Amino acid sequence: MESRYHHLRDESSSEHDESISEIAESNFELGKSSSDLVEKLELDKSSSELMESRSELAKNNFELGESSYKLVKSNSEFASNKL
């Protein structure tokens, strides 16, 4: 009877160890997936910030072009009036 008890206890302990091992492996995979997701979100955030910067740069370039056009037009009118 005692031998059967030890056998069942050993079997239960082995199953318990396997369960712990499976949980540890699942937690590792979950942690890895979470890490990959965080990395992707950081890249998405960086990409979004880059797009915002490009948009701001395009706006500034447009305003610079508009100011340059007005300056050339003003210089042209000034030159015409001097002649």
Protein backbone atom coordinates (compact mmCIF):
# COMPACT_ATOMS: atom_id res chain seq x y z
CA MET A 1 0.00 0.00 0.00
CA GLU A 2 2.78 2.38 0.96
CA SER A 3 4.64 1.53 -2.23
CA ARG A 4 1.54 2.38 -4.24
CA TYR A 5 1.26 5.68 -2.35
CA HIS A 6 4.89 6.58 -3.21
CA HIS A 7 4.31 5.59 -6.82
CA LEU A 8 1.19 7.80 -7.03
CA ARG A 9 3.00 10.64 -5.24
CA ASP A 10 5.97 10.37 -7.61
CA GLU A 11 3.62 10.29 -10.60
CA SER A 12 1.71 13.31 -9.30
CA SER A 13 4.97 15.16 -8.62
CA SER A 14 6.16 14.39 -12.15
CA GLU A 15 2.90 15.68 -13.64
CA HIS A 16 3.16 18.75 -11.45
CA ASP A 17 6.73 19.37 -12.68
CA GLU A 18 5.57 18.99 -16.28
CA SER A 19 2.74 21.48 -15.66
CA ILE A 20 5.18 23.97 -14.15
CA SER A 21 7.50 23.49 -17.09
CA GLU A 22 4.65 24.07 -19.57
CA ILE A 23 3.53 27.19 -17.68
CA ALA A 24 7.11 28.50 -17.63
CA GLU A 25 7.41 27.89 -21.37
CA SER A 26 4.07 29.62 -22.03
CA ASN A 27 5.11 32.57 -19.87
CA PHE A 28 8.39 32.81 -21.78
CA GLU A 29 6.55 32.84 -25.12
CA LEU A 30 4.07 35.40 -23.78
CA GLY A 31 6.94 37.58 -22.56
CA LYS A 32 8.65 37.28 -25.93
CA SER A 33 5.43 38.20 -27.74
CA SER A 34 4.90 41.14 -25.40
CA SER A 35 8.46 42.32 -26.02
CA ASP A 36 7.94 42.06 -29.78
CA LEU A 37 4.69 43.99 -29.49
CA VAL A 38 6.30 46.75 -27.42
CA GLU A 39 9.10 46.99 -29.99
CA LYS A 40 6.56 47.23 -32.82
CA LEU A 41 4.59 49.90 -30.97
CA GLU A 42 7.78 51.88 -30.41
CA LEU A 43 8.54 51.61 -34.14
CA ASP A 44 4.97 52.65 -34.98
CA LYS A 45 5.32 55.62 -32.61
CA SER A 46 8.66 56.58 -34.17
CA SER A 47 7.15 56.25 -37.63
CA SER A 48 4.21 58.42 -36.63
CA GLU A 49 6.54 61.04 -35.16
CA LEU A 50 8.60 60.94 -38.36
CA MET A 51 5.48 61.50 -40.45
CA GLU A 52 4.51 64.44 -38.25
CA SER A 53 8.00 65.90 -38.66
CA ARG A 54 7.81 65.45 -42.44
CA SER A 55 4.41 67.11 -42.50
CA GLU A 56 5.73 70.05 -40.48
CA LEU A 57 8.76 70.29 -42.78
CA ALA A 58 6.52 70.28 -45.86
CA LYS A 59 4.40 73.04 -44.32
CA ASN A 60 7.52 75.09 -43.52
CA ASN A 61 8.88 74.55 -47.04
CA PHE A 62 5.59 75.70 -48.52
CA GLU A 63 5.61 78.84 -46.34
CA LEU A 64 9.24 79.51 -47.31
CA GLY A 65 8.36 79.11 -51.00
CA GLU A 66 5.39 81.43 -50.58
CA SER A 67 7.58 84.04 -48.85
CA SER A 68 10.24 83.71 -51.54
CA TYR A 69 7.61 84.21 -54.24
CA LYS A 70 6.31 87.34 -52.51
CA LEU A 71 9.86 88.67 -52.16
CA VAL A 72 10.65 88.08 -55.84
CA LYS A 73 7.34 89.68 -56.84
CA SER A 74 8.02 92.66 -54.58
CA ASN A 75 11.57 93.04 -55.95
CA SER A 76 10.22 92.84 -59.49
CA GLU A 77 7.63 95.55 -58.79
CA PHE A 78 10.27 97.70 -57.14
CA ALA A 79 12.60 97.29 -60.13
CA SER A 80 9.75 98.14 -62.53
CA ASN A 81 8.93 101.31 -60.59
CA LYS A 82 12.59 102.41 -60.62
CA LEU A 83 12.77 102.14 -64.39
